[in-house]
Amino acid sequence: EKVAFEVSAMTLERLKWGESAEKSV
């Protein structure tokens, strides 16, 4: 028996070249 961890995406977008992946919270 093993355990897998993963992220289940709720929102997702592909960024344009040069756009920052960081978003202010």
mmCIF file of all heavy atoms, coordinates in Angstrom:
data_MODEL
# 
_entry.id   MODEL 
# 
loop_
_atom_site.group_PDB 
_atom_site.id 
_atom_site.type_symbol 
_atom_site.label_atom_id 
_atom_site.label_alt_id 
_atom_site.label_comp_id 
_atom_site.label_asym_id 
_atom_site.label_entity_id 
_atom_site.label_seq_id 
_atom_site.pdbx_PDB_ins_code 
_atom_site.Cartn_x 
_atom_site.Cartn_y 
_atom_site.Cartn_z 
_atom_site.occupancy 
_atom_site.B_iso_or_equiv 
_atom_site.pdbx_formal_charge 
_atom_site.auth_seq_id 
_atom_site.auth_comp_id 
_atom_site.auth_asym_id 
_atom_site.auth_atom_id 
_atom_site.pdbx_PDB_model_num 
ATOM 1   N N   . GLU A 1 1  ? 0.852   -1.193 0.000   1.00 0.00 ? 1  GLU A N   1 
ATOM 2   C CA  . GLU A 1 1  ? 0.000   0.000  0.000   1.00 0.00 ? 1  GLU A CA  1 
ATOM 3   C C   . GLU A 1 1  ? 0.887   1.241  0.000   1.00 0.00 ? 1  GLU A C   1 
ATOM 4   O O   . GLU A 1 1  ? 1.837   1.349  0.771   1.00 0.00 ? 1  GLU A O   1 
ATOM 5   C CB  . GLU A 1 1  ? -0.927  0.019  1.208   1.00 0.00 ? 1  GLU A CB  1 
ATOM 6   C CG  . GLU A 1 1  ? -1.909  1.175  1.144   1.00 0.00 ? 1  GLU A CG  1 
ATOM 7   C CD  . GLU A 1 1  ? -2.993  1.117  2.200   1.00 0.00 ? 1  GLU A CD  1 
ATOM 8   O OE1 . GLU A 1 1  ? -3.002  0.165  3.003   1.00 0.00 ? 1  GLU A OE1 1 
ATOM 9   O OE2 . GLU A 1 1  ? -3.821  2.023  2.217   1.00 0.00 ? 1  GLU A OE2 1 
ATOM 10  N N   . LYS A 1 2  ? 0.580   2.179  -0.875  1.00 0.00 ? 2  LYS A N   1 
ATOM 11  C CA  . LYS A 1 2  ? 1.339   3.426  -1.020  1.00 0.00 ? 2  LYS A CA  1 
ATOM 12  C C   . LYS A 1 2  ? 0.389   4.600  -0.882  1.00 0.00 ? 2  LYS A C   1 
ATOM 13  O O   . LYS A 1 2  ? -0.821  4.449  -0.996  1.00 0.00 ? 2  LYS A O   1 
ATOM 14  C CB  . LYS A 1 2  ? 2.000   3.488  -2.404  1.00 0.00 ? 2  LYS A CB  1 
ATOM 15  C CG  . LYS A 1 2  ? 2.961   2.371  -2.690  1.00 0.00 ? 2  LYS A CG  1 
ATOM 16  C CD  . LYS A 1 2  ? 4.333   2.848  -2.496  1.00 0.00 ? 2  LYS A CD  1 
ATOM 17  C CE  . LYS A 1 2  ? 5.332   1.783  -2.924  1.00 0.00 ? 2  LYS A CE  1 
ATOM 18  N NZ  . LYS A 1 2  ? 6.671   2.258  -2.749  1.00 0.00 ? 2  LYS A NZ  1 
ATOM 19  N N   . VAL A 1 3  ? 0.957   5.783  -0.675  1.00 0.00 ? 3  VAL A N   1 
ATOM 20  C CA  . VAL A 1 3  ? 0.191   7.021  -0.610  1.00 0.00 ? 3  VAL A CA  1 
ATOM 21  C C   . VAL A 1 3  ? 0.735   7.968  -1.668  1.00 0.00 ? 3  VAL A C   1 
ATOM 22  O O   . VAL A 1 3  ? 1.947   8.154  -1.781  1.00 0.00 ? 3  VAL A O   1 
ATOM 23  C CB  . VAL A 1 3  ? 0.287   7.690  0.783   1.00 0.00 ? 3  VAL A CB  1 
ATOM 24  C CG1 . VAL A 1 3  ? -0.503  8.976  0.819   1.00 0.00 ? 3  VAL A CG1 1 
ATOM 25  C CG2 . VAL A 1 3  ? -0.189  6.746  1.867   1.00 0.00 ? 3  VAL A CG2 1 
ATOM 26  N N   . ALA A 1 4  ? -0.153  8.545  -2.459  1.00 0.00 ? 4  ALA A N   1 
ATOM 27  C CA  . ALA A 1 4  ? 0.231   9.546  -3.462  1.00 0.00 ? 4  ALA A CA  1 
ATOM 28  C C   . ALA A 1 4  ? -0.327  10.898 -3.035  1.00 0.00 ? 4  ALA A C   1 
ATOM 29  O O   . ALA A 1 4  ? -1.447  10.990 -2.542  1.00 0.00 ? 4  ALA A O   1 
ATOM 30  C CB  . ALA A 1 4  ? -0.322  9.163  -4.829  1.00 0.00 ? 4  ALA A CB  1 
ATOM 31  N N   . PHE A 1 5  ? 0.467   11.948 -3.210  1.00 0.00 ? 5  PHE A N   1 
ATOM 32  C CA  . PHE A 1 5  ? 0.034   13.312 -2.953  1.00 0.00 ? 5  PHE A CA  1 
ATOM 33  C C   . PHE A 1 5  ? -0.003  14.052 -4.279  1.00 0.00 ? 5  PHE A C   1 
ATOM 34  O O   . PHE A 1 5  ? 0.884   13.891 -5.113  1.00 0.00 ? 5  PHE A O   1 
ATOM 35  C CB  . PHE A 1 5  ? 1.001   14.017 -1.993  1.00 0.00 ? 5  PHE A CB  1 
ATOM 36  C CG  . PHE A 1 5  ? 1.003   13.416 -0.625  1.00 0.00 ? 5  PHE A CG  1 
ATOM 37  C CD1 . PHE A 1 5  ? 1.890   12.404 -0.293  1.00 0.00 ? 5  PHE A CD1 1 
ATOM 38  C CD2 . PHE A 1 5  ? 0.093   13.845 0.331   1.00 0.00 ? 5  PHE A CD2 1 
ATOM 39  C CE1 . PHE A 1 5  ? 1.891   11.833 0.969   1.00 0.00 ? 5  PHE A CE1 1 
ATOM 40  C CE2 . PHE A 1 5  ? 0.084   13.279 1.603   1.00 0.00 ? 5  PHE A CE2 1 
ATOM 41  C CZ  . PHE A 1 5  ? 0.986   12.270 1.920   1.00 0.00 ? 5  PHE A CZ  1 
ATOM 42  N N   . GLU A 1 6  ? -1.043  14.859 -4.483  1.00 0.00 ? 6  GLU A N   1 
ATOM 43  C CA  . GLU A 1 6  ? -1.187  15.600 -5.731  1.00 0.00 ? 6  GLU A CA  1 
ATOM 44  C C   . GLU A 1 6  ? -2.012  16.853 -5.479  1.00 0.00 ? 6  GLU A C   1 
ATOM 45  O O   . GLU A 1 6  ? -2.713  16.955 -4.482  1.00 0.00 ? 6  GLU A O   1 
ATOM 46  C CB  . GLU A 1 6  ? -1.846  14.736 -6.807  1.00 0.00 ? 6  GLU A CB  1 
ATOM 47  C CG  . GLU A 1 6  ? -3.216  14.237 -6.429  1.00 0.00 ? 6  GLU A CG  1 
ATOM 48  C CD  . GLU A 1 6  ? -3.681  13.046 -7.241  1.00 0.00 ? 6  GLU A CD  1 
ATOM 49  O OE1 . GLU A 1 6  ? -2.926  12.525 -8.058  1.00 0.00 ? 6  GLU A OE1 1 
ATOM 50  O OE2 . GLU A 1 6  ? -4.831  12.631 -7.034  1.00 0.00 ? 6  GLU A OE2 1 
ATOM 51  N N   . VAL A 1 7  ? -1.912  17.789 -6.408  1.00 0.00 ? 7  VAL A N   1 
ATOM 52  C CA  . VAL A 1 7  ? -2.712  19.000 -6.352  1.00 0.00 ? 7  VAL A CA  1 
ATOM 53  C C   . VAL A 1 7  ? -3.901  18.824 -7.286  1.00 0.00 ? 7  VAL A C   1 
ATOM 54  O O   . VAL A 1 7  ? -3.722  18.506 -8.461  1.00 0.00 ? 7  VAL A O   1 
ATOM 55  C CB  . VAL A 1 7  ? -1.888  20.242 -6.771  1.00 0.00 ? 7  VAL A CB  1 
ATOM 56  C CG1 . VAL A 1 7  ? -2.765  21.482 -6.813  1.00 0.00 ? 7  VAL A CG1 1 
ATOM 57  C CG2 . VAL A 1 7  ? -0.705  20.436 -5.831  1.00 0.00 ? 7  VAL A CG2 1 
ATOM 58  N N   . SER A 1 8  ? -5.095  18.999 -6.761  1.00 0.00 ? 8  SER A N   1 
ATOM 59  C CA  . SER A 1 8  ? -6.306  18.975 -7.583  1.00 0.00 ? 8  SER A CA  1 
ATOM 60  C C   . SER A 1 8  ? -6.622  20.421 -7.951  1.00 0.00 ? 8  SER A C   1 
ATOM 61  O O   . SER A 1 8  ? -6.946  21.236 -7.076  1.00 0.00 ? 8  SER A O   1 
ATOM 62  C CB  . SER A 1 8  ? -7.462  18.346 -6.805  1.00 0.00 ? 8  SER A CB  1 
ATOM 63  O OG  . SER A 1 8  ? -8.623  18.327 -7.596  1.00 0.00 ? 8  SER A OG  1 
ATOM 64  N N   . ALA A 1 9  ? -6.472  20.759 -9.229  1.00 0.00 ? 9  ALA A N   1 
ATOM 65  C CA  . ALA A 1 9  ? -6.602  22.147 -9.679  1.00 0.00 ? 9  ALA A CA  1 
ATOM 66  C C   . ALA A 1 9  ? -8.062  22.595 -9.681  1.00 0.00 ? 9  ALA A C   1 
ATOM 67  O O   . ALA A 1 9  ? -8.934  21.884 -10.160 1.00 0.00 ? 9  ALA A O   1 
ATOM 68  C CB  . ALA A 1 9  ? -6.006  22.306 -11.067 1.00 0.00 ? 9  ALA A CB  1 
ATOM 69  N N   . MET A 1 10 ? -8.287  23.794 -9.133  1.00 0.00 ? 10 MET A N   1 
ATOM 70  C CA  . MET A 1 10 ? -9.617  24.403 -9.158  1.00 0.00 ? 10 MET A CA  1 
ATOM 71  C C   . MET A 1 10 ? -9.675  25.489 -10.230 1.00 0.00 ? 10 MET A C   1 
ATOM 72  O O   . MET A 1 10 ? -10.693 25.667 -10.880 1.00 0.00 ? 10 MET A O   1 
ATOM 73  C CB  . MET A 1 10 ? -9.943  24.972 -7.783  1.00 0.00 ? 10 MET A CB  1 
ATOM 74  C CG  . MET A 1 10 ? -10.008 23.870 -6.724  1.00 0.00 ? 10 MET A CG  1 
ATOM 75  S SD  . MET A 1 10 ? -9.712  24.438 -5.063  1.00 0.00 ? 10 MET A SD  1 
ATOM 76  C CE  . MET A 1 10 ? -11.280 25.103 -4.604  1.00 0.00 ? 10 MET A CE  1 
ATOM 77  N N   . THR A 1 11 ? -8.575  26.222 -10.400 1.00 0.00 ? 11 THR A N   1 
ATOM 78  C CA  . THR A 1 11 ? -8.446  27.162 -11.508 1.00 0.00 ? 11 THR A CA  1 
ATOM 79  C C   . THR A 1 11 ? -7.076  26.928 -12.133 1.00 0.00 ? 11 THR A C   1 
ATOM 80  O O   . THR A 1 11 ? -6.127  26.548 -11.446 1.00 0.00 ? 11 THR A O   1 
ATOM 81  C CB  . THR A 1 11 ? -8.549  28.642 -11.060 1.00 0.00 ? 11 THR A CB  1 
ATOM 82  O OG1 . THR A 1 11 ? -7.470  28.944 -10.172 1.00 0.00 ? 11 THR A OG1 1 
ATOM 83  C CG2 . THR A 1 11 ? -9.884  28.922 -10.404 1.00 0.00 ? 11 THR A CG2 1 
ATOM 84  N N   . LEU A 1 12 ? -6.994  27.146 -13.420 1.00 0.00 ? 12 LEU A N   1 
ATOM 85  C CA  . LEU A 1 12 ? -5.767  26.841 -14.148 1.00 0.00 ? 12 LEU A CA  1 
ATOM 86  C C   . LEU A 1 12 ? -5.699  27.708 -15.387 1.00 0.00 ? 12 LEU A C   1 
ATOM 87  O O   . LEU A 1 12 ? -6.703  27.877 -16.078 1.00 0.00 ? 12 LEU A O   1 
ATOM 88  C CB  . LEU A 1 12 ? -5.790  25.362 -14.552 1.00 0.00 ? 12 LEU A CB  1 
ATOM 89  C CG  . LEU A 1 12 ? -4.588  24.786 -15.269 1.00 0.00 ? 12 LEU A CG  1 
ATOM 90  C CD1 . LEU A 1 12 ? -3.393  24.713 -14.334 1.00 0.00 ? 12 LEU A CD1 1 
ATOM 91  C CD2 . LEU A 1 12 ? -4.915  23.392 -15.779 1.00 0.00 ? 12 LEU A CD2 1 
ATOM 92  N N   . GLU A 1 13 ? -4.516  28.266 -15.650 1.00 0.00 ? 13 GLU A N   1 
ATOM 93  C CA  . GLU A 1 13 ? -4.337  29.032 -16.886 1.00 0.00 ? 13 GLU A CA  1 
ATOM 94  C C   . GLU A 1 13 ? -2.900  28.917 -17.367 1.00 0.00 ? 13 GLU A C   1 
ATOM 95  O O   . GLU A 1 13 ? -1.976  28.781 -16.583 1.00 0.00 ? 13 GLU A O   1 
ATOM 96  C CB  . GLU A 1 13 ? -4.711  30.502 -16.683 1.00 0.00 ? 13 GLU A CB  1 
ATOM 97  C CG  . GLU A 1 13 ? -3.838  31.237 -15.702 1.00 0.00 ? 13 GLU A CG  1 
ATOM 98  C CD  . GLU A 1 13 ? -4.252  32.689 -15.512 1.00 0.00 ? 13 GLU A CD  1 
ATOM 99  O OE1 . GLU A 1 13 ? -4.347  33.426 -16.513 1.00 0.00 ? 13 GLU A OE1 1 
ATOM 100 O OE2 . GLU A 1 13 ? -4.452  33.072 -14.359 1.00 0.00 ? 13 GLU A OE2 1 
ATOM 101 N N   . ARG A 1 14 ? -2.749  28.937 -18.672 1.00 0.00 ? 14 ARG A N   1 
ATOM 102 C CA  . ARG A 1 14 ? -1.417  28.971 -19.278 1.00 0.00 ? 14 ARG A CA  1 
ATOM 103 C C   . ARG A 1 14 ? -1.042  30.430 -19.436 1.00 0.00 ? 14 ARG A C   1 
ATOM 104 O O   . ARG A 1 14 ? -1.840  31.234 -19.912 1.00 0.00 ? 14 ARG A O   1 
ATOM 105 C CB  . ARG A 1 14 ? -1.424  28.257 -20.627 1.00 0.00 ? 14 ARG A CB  1 
ATOM 106 C CG  . ARG A 1 14 ? -0.049  28.241 -21.271 1.00 0.00 ? 14 ARG A CG  1 
ATOM 107 C CD  . ARG A 1 14 ? -0.012  27.397 -22.500 1.00 0.00 ? 14 ARG A CD  1 
ATOM 108 N NE  . ARG A 1 14 ? -1.031  27.820 -23.454 1.00 0.00 ? 14 ARG A NE  1 
ATOM 109 C CZ  . ARG A 1 14 ? -1.207  27.279 -24.646 1.00 0.00 ? 14 ARG A CZ  1 
ATOM 110 N NH1 . ARG A 1 14 ? -0.451  26.281 -25.029 1.00 0.00 ? 14 ARG A NH1 1 
ATOM 111 N NH2 . ARG A 1 14 ? -2.137  27.709 -25.450 1.00 0.00 ? 14 ARG A NH2 1 
ATOM 112 N N   . LEU A 1 15 ? 0.177   30.776 -19.050 1.00 0.00 ? 15 LEU A N   1 
ATOM 113 C CA  . LEU A 1 15 ? 0.623   32.170 -19.115 1.00 0.00 ? 15 LEU A CA  1 
ATOM 114 C C   . LEU A 1 15 ? 1.282   32.461 -20.447 1.00 0.00 ? 15 LEU A C   1 
ATOM 115 O O   . LEU A 1 15 ? 1.870   31.583 -21.074 1.00 0.00 ? 15 LEU A O   1 
ATOM 116 C CB  . LEU A 1 15 ? 1.605   32.452 -17.972 1.00 0.00 ? 15 LEU A CB  1 
ATOM 117 C CG  . LEU A 1 15 ? 1.044   32.227 -16.569 1.00 0.00 ? 15 LEU A CG  1 
ATOM 118 C CD1 . LEU A 1 15 ? 2.119   32.492 -15.530 1.00 0.00 ? 15 LEU A CD1 1 
ATOM 119 C CD2 . LEU A 1 15 ? -0.164  33.104 -16.314 1.00 0.00 ? 15 LEU A CD2 1 
ATOM 120 N N   . LYS A 1 16 ? 1.189   33.703 -20.843 1.00 0.00 ? 16 LYS A N   1 
ATOM 121 C CA  . LYS A 1 16 ? 1.878   34.159 -22.053 1.00 0.00 ? 16 LYS A CA  1 
ATOM 122 C C   . LYS A 1 16 ? 3.345   34.367 -21.727 1.00 0.00 ? 16 LYS A C   1 
ATOM 123 O O   . LYS A 1 16 ? 3.717   34.601 -20.579 1.00 0.00 ? 16 LYS A O   1 
ATOM 124 C CB  . LYS A 1 16 ? 1.252   35.468 -22.545 1.00 0.00 ? 16 LYS A CB  1 
ATOM 125 C CG  . LYS A 1 16 ? -0.180  35.289 -22.963 1.00 0.00 ? 16 LYS A CG  1 
ATOM 126 C CD  . LYS A 1 16 ? -0.759  36.610 -23.419 1.00 0.00 ? 16 LYS A CD  1 
ATOM 127 C CE  . LYS A 1 16 ? -2.192  36.368 -23.834 1.00 0.00 ? 16 LYS A CE  1 
ATOM 128 N NZ  . LYS A 1 16 ? -3.111  37.335 -23.307 1.00 0.00 ? 16 LYS A NZ  1 
ATOM 129 N N   . TRP A 1 17 ? 4.187   34.301 -22.743 1.00 0.00 ? 17 TRP A N   1 
ATOM 130 C CA  . TRP A 1 17 ? 5.622   34.457 -22.554 1.00 0.00 ? 17 TRP A CA  1 
ATOM 131 C C   . TRP A 1 17 ? 5.910   35.773 -21.844 1.00 0.00 ? 17 TRP A C   1 
ATOM 132 O O   . TRP A 1 17 ? 5.423   36.826 -22.230 1.00 0.00 ? 17 TRP A O   1 
ATOM 133 C CB  . TRP A 1 17 ? 6.333   34.414 -23.904 1.00 0.00 ? 17 TRP A CB  1 
ATOM 134 C CG  . TRP A 1 17 ? 7.809   34.549 -23.762 1.00 0.00 ? 17 TRP A CG  1 
ATOM 135 C CD1 . TRP A 1 17 ? 8.546   35.655 -24.023 1.00 0.00 ? 17 TRP A CD1 1 
ATOM 136 C CD2 . TRP A 1 17 ? 8.721   33.560 -23.311 1.00 0.00 ? 17 TRP A CD2 1 
ATOM 137 N NE1 . TRP A 1 17 ? 9.866   35.415 -23.765 1.00 0.00 ? 17 TRP A NE1 1 
ATOM 138 C CE2 . TRP A 1 17 ? 10.006  34.134 -23.317 1.00 0.00 ? 17 TRP A CE2 1 
ATOM 139 C CE3 . TRP A 1 17 ? 8.581   32.251 -22.882 1.00 0.00 ? 17 TRP A CE3 1 
ATOM 140 C CZ2 . TRP A 1 17 ? 11.147  33.442 -22.924 1.00 0.00 ? 17 TRP A CZ2 1 
ATOM 141 C CZ3 . TRP A 1 17 ? 9.720   31.561 -22.492 1.00 0.00 ? 17 TRP A CZ3 1 
ATOM 142 C CH2 . TRP A 1 17 ? 10.971  32.153 -22.522 1.00 0.00 ? 17 TRP A CH2 1 
ATOM 143 N N   . GLY A 1 18 ? 6.672   35.714 -20.746 1.00 0.00 ? 18 GLY A N   1 
ATOM 144 C CA  . GLY A 1 18 ? 7.070   36.913 -20.019 1.00 0.00 ? 18 GLY A CA  1 
ATOM 145 C C   . GLY A 1 18 ? 6.091   37.345 -18.934 1.00 0.00 ? 18 GLY A C   1 
ATOM 146 O O   . GLY A 1 18 ? 6.397   38.198 -18.130 1.00 0.00 ? 18 GLY A O   1 
ATOM 147 N N   . GLU A 1 19 ? 4.900   36.750 -18.878 1.00 0.00 ? 19 GLU A N   1 
ATOM 148 C CA  . GLU A 1 19 ? 3.922   37.090 -17.847 1.00 0.00 ? 19 GLU A CA  1 
ATOM 149 C C   . GLU A 1 19 ? 4.346   36.427 -16.541 1.00 0.00 ? 19 GLU A C   1 
ATOM 150 O O   . GLU A 1 19 ? 4.813   35.302 -16.526 1.00 0.00 ? 19 GLU A O   1 
ATOM 151 C CB  . GLU A 1 19 ? 2.537   36.585 -18.266 1.00 0.00 ? 19 GLU A CB  1 
ATOM 152 C CG  . GLU A 1 19 ? 1.411   37.009 -17.360 1.00 0.00 ? 19 GLU A CG  1 
ATOM 153 C CD  . GLU A 1 19 ? 0.047   36.535 -17.875 1.00 0.00 ? 19 GLU A CD  1 
ATOM 154 O OE1 . GLU A 1 19 ? -0.019  35.955 -18.960 1.00 0.00 ? 19 GLU A OE1 1 
ATOM 155 O OE2 . GLU A 1 19 ? -0.924  36.754 -17.159 1.00 0.00 ? 19 GLU A OE2 1 
ATOM 156 N N   . SER A 1 20 ? 4.178   37.120 -15.434 1.00 0.00 ? 20 SER A N   1 
ATOM 157 C CA  . SER A 1 20 ? 4.601   36.595 -14.140 1.00 0.00 ? 20 SER A CA  1 
ATOM 158 C C   . SER A 1 20 ? 3.590   35.572 -13.626 1.00 0.00 ? 20 SER A C   1 
ATOM 159 O O   . SER A 1 20 ? 2.385   35.798 -13.678 1.00 0.00 ? 20 SER A O   1 
ATOM 160 C CB  . SER A 1 20 ? 4.735   37.733 -13.129 1.00 0.00 ? 20 SER A CB  1 
ATOM 161 O OG  . SER A 1 20 ? 5.003   37.205 -11.854 1.00 0.00 ? 20 SER A OG  1 
ATOM 162 N N   . ALA A 1 21 ? 4.106   34.470 -13.096 1.00 0.00 ? 21 ALA A N   1 
ATOM 163 C CA  . ALA A 1 21 ? 3.234   33.453 -12.504 1.00 0.00 ? 21 ALA A CA  1 
ATOM 164 C C   . ALA A 1 21 ? 2.804   33.857 -11.095 1.00 0.00 ? 21 ALA A C   1 
ATOM 165 O O   . ALA A 1 21 ? 1.872   33.322 -10.548 1.00 0.00 ? 21 ALA A O   1 
ATOM 166 C CB  . ALA A 1 21 ? 3.934   32.111 -12.466 1.00 0.00 ? 21 ALA A CB  1 
ATOM 167 N N   . GLU A 1 22 ? 3.533   34.806 -10.512 1.00 0.00 ? 22 GLU A N   1 
ATOM 168 C CA  . GLU A 1 22 ? 3.192   35.251 -9.166  1.00 0.00 ? 22 GLU A CA  1 
ATOM 169 C C   . GLU A 1 22 ? 2.021   36.220 -9.245  1.00 0.00 ? 22 GLU A C   1 
ATOM 170 O O   . GLU A 1 22 ? 1.955   37.084 -10.101 1.00 0.00 ? 22 GLU A O   1 
ATOM 171 C CB  . GLU A 1 22 ? 4.386   35.931 -8.514  1.00 0.00 ? 22 GLU A CB  1 
ATOM 172 C CG  . GLU A 1 22 ? 5.537   34.970 -8.292  1.00 0.00 ? 22 GLU A CG  1 
ATOM 173 C CD  . GLU A 1 22 ? 6.744   35.640 -7.688  1.00 0.00 ? 22 GLU A CD  1 
ATOM 174 O OE1 . GLU A 1 22 ? 6.590   36.748 -7.127  1.00 0.00 ? 22 GLU A OE1 1 
ATOM 175 O OE2 . GLU A 1 22 ? 7.816   35.061 -7.758  1.00 0.00 ? 22 GLU A OE2 1 
ATOM 176 N N   . LYS A 1 23 ? 1.104   36.052 -8.330  1.00 0.00 ? 23 LYS A N   1 
ATOM 177 C CA  . LYS A 1 23 ? -0.067  36.898 -8.283  1.00 0.00 ? 23 LYS A CA  1 
ATOM 178 C C   . LYS A 1 23 ? -0.181  37.407 -6.863  1.00 0.00 ? 23 LYS A C   1 
ATOM 179 O O   . LYS A 1 23 ? -0.075  36.638 -5.924  1.00 0.00 ? 23 LYS A O   1 
ATOM 180 C CB  . LYS A 1 23 ? -1.301  36.093 -8.673  1.00 0.00 ? 23 LYS A CB  1 
ATOM 181 C CG  . LYS A 1 23 ? -2.514  36.915 -8.956  1.00 0.00 ? 23 LYS A CG  1 
ATOM 182 C CD  . LYS A 1 23 ? -3.612  36.009 -9.477  1.00 0.00 ? 23 LYS A CD  1 
ATOM 183 C CE  . LYS A 1 23 ? -4.769  36.839 -10.006 1.00 0.00 ? 23 LYS A CE  1 
ATOM 184 N NZ  . LYS A 1 23 ? -5.809  36.027 -10.564 1.00 0.00 ? 23 LYS A NZ  1 
ATOM 185 N N   . SER A 1 24 ? -0.376  38.696 -6.698  1.00 0.00 ? 24 SER A N   1 
ATOM 186 C CA  . SER A 1 24 ? -0.469  39.228 -5.346  1.00 0.00 ? 24 SER A CA  1 
ATOM 187 C C   . SER A 1 24 ? -1.725  38.752 -4.658  1.00 0.00 ? 24 SER A C   1 
ATOM 188 O O   . SER A 1 24 ? -2.770  38.635 -5.274  1.00 0.00 ? 24 SER A O   1 
ATOM 189 C CB  . SER A 1 24 ? -0.422  40.759 -5.374  1.00 0.00 ? 24 SER A CB  1 
ATOM 190 O OG  . SER A 1 24 ? -1.530  41.266 -6.084  1.00 0.00 ? 24 SER A OG  1 
ATOM 191 N N   . VAL A 1 25 ? -1.585  38.437 -3.390  1.00 0.00 ? 25 VAL A N   1 
ATOM 192 C CA  . VAL A 1 25 ? -2.722  38.004 -2.578  1.00 0.00 ? 25 VAL A CA  1 
ATOM 193 C C   . VAL A 1 25 ? -3.004  39.095 -1.567  1.00 0.00 ? 25 VAL A C   1 
ATOM 194 O O   . VAL A 1 25 ? -2.111  39.533 -0.855  1.00 0.00 ? 25 VAL A O   1 
ATOM 195 C CB  . VAL A 1 25 ? -2.396  36.673 -1.857  1.00 0.00 ? 25 VAL A CB  1 
ATOM 196 C CG1 . VAL A 1 25 ? -3.547  36.257 -0.968  1.00 0.00 ? 25 VAL A CG1 1 
ATOM 197 C CG2 . VAL A 1 25 ? -2.047  35.601 -2.856  1.00 0.00 ? 25 VAL A CG2 1 
# 
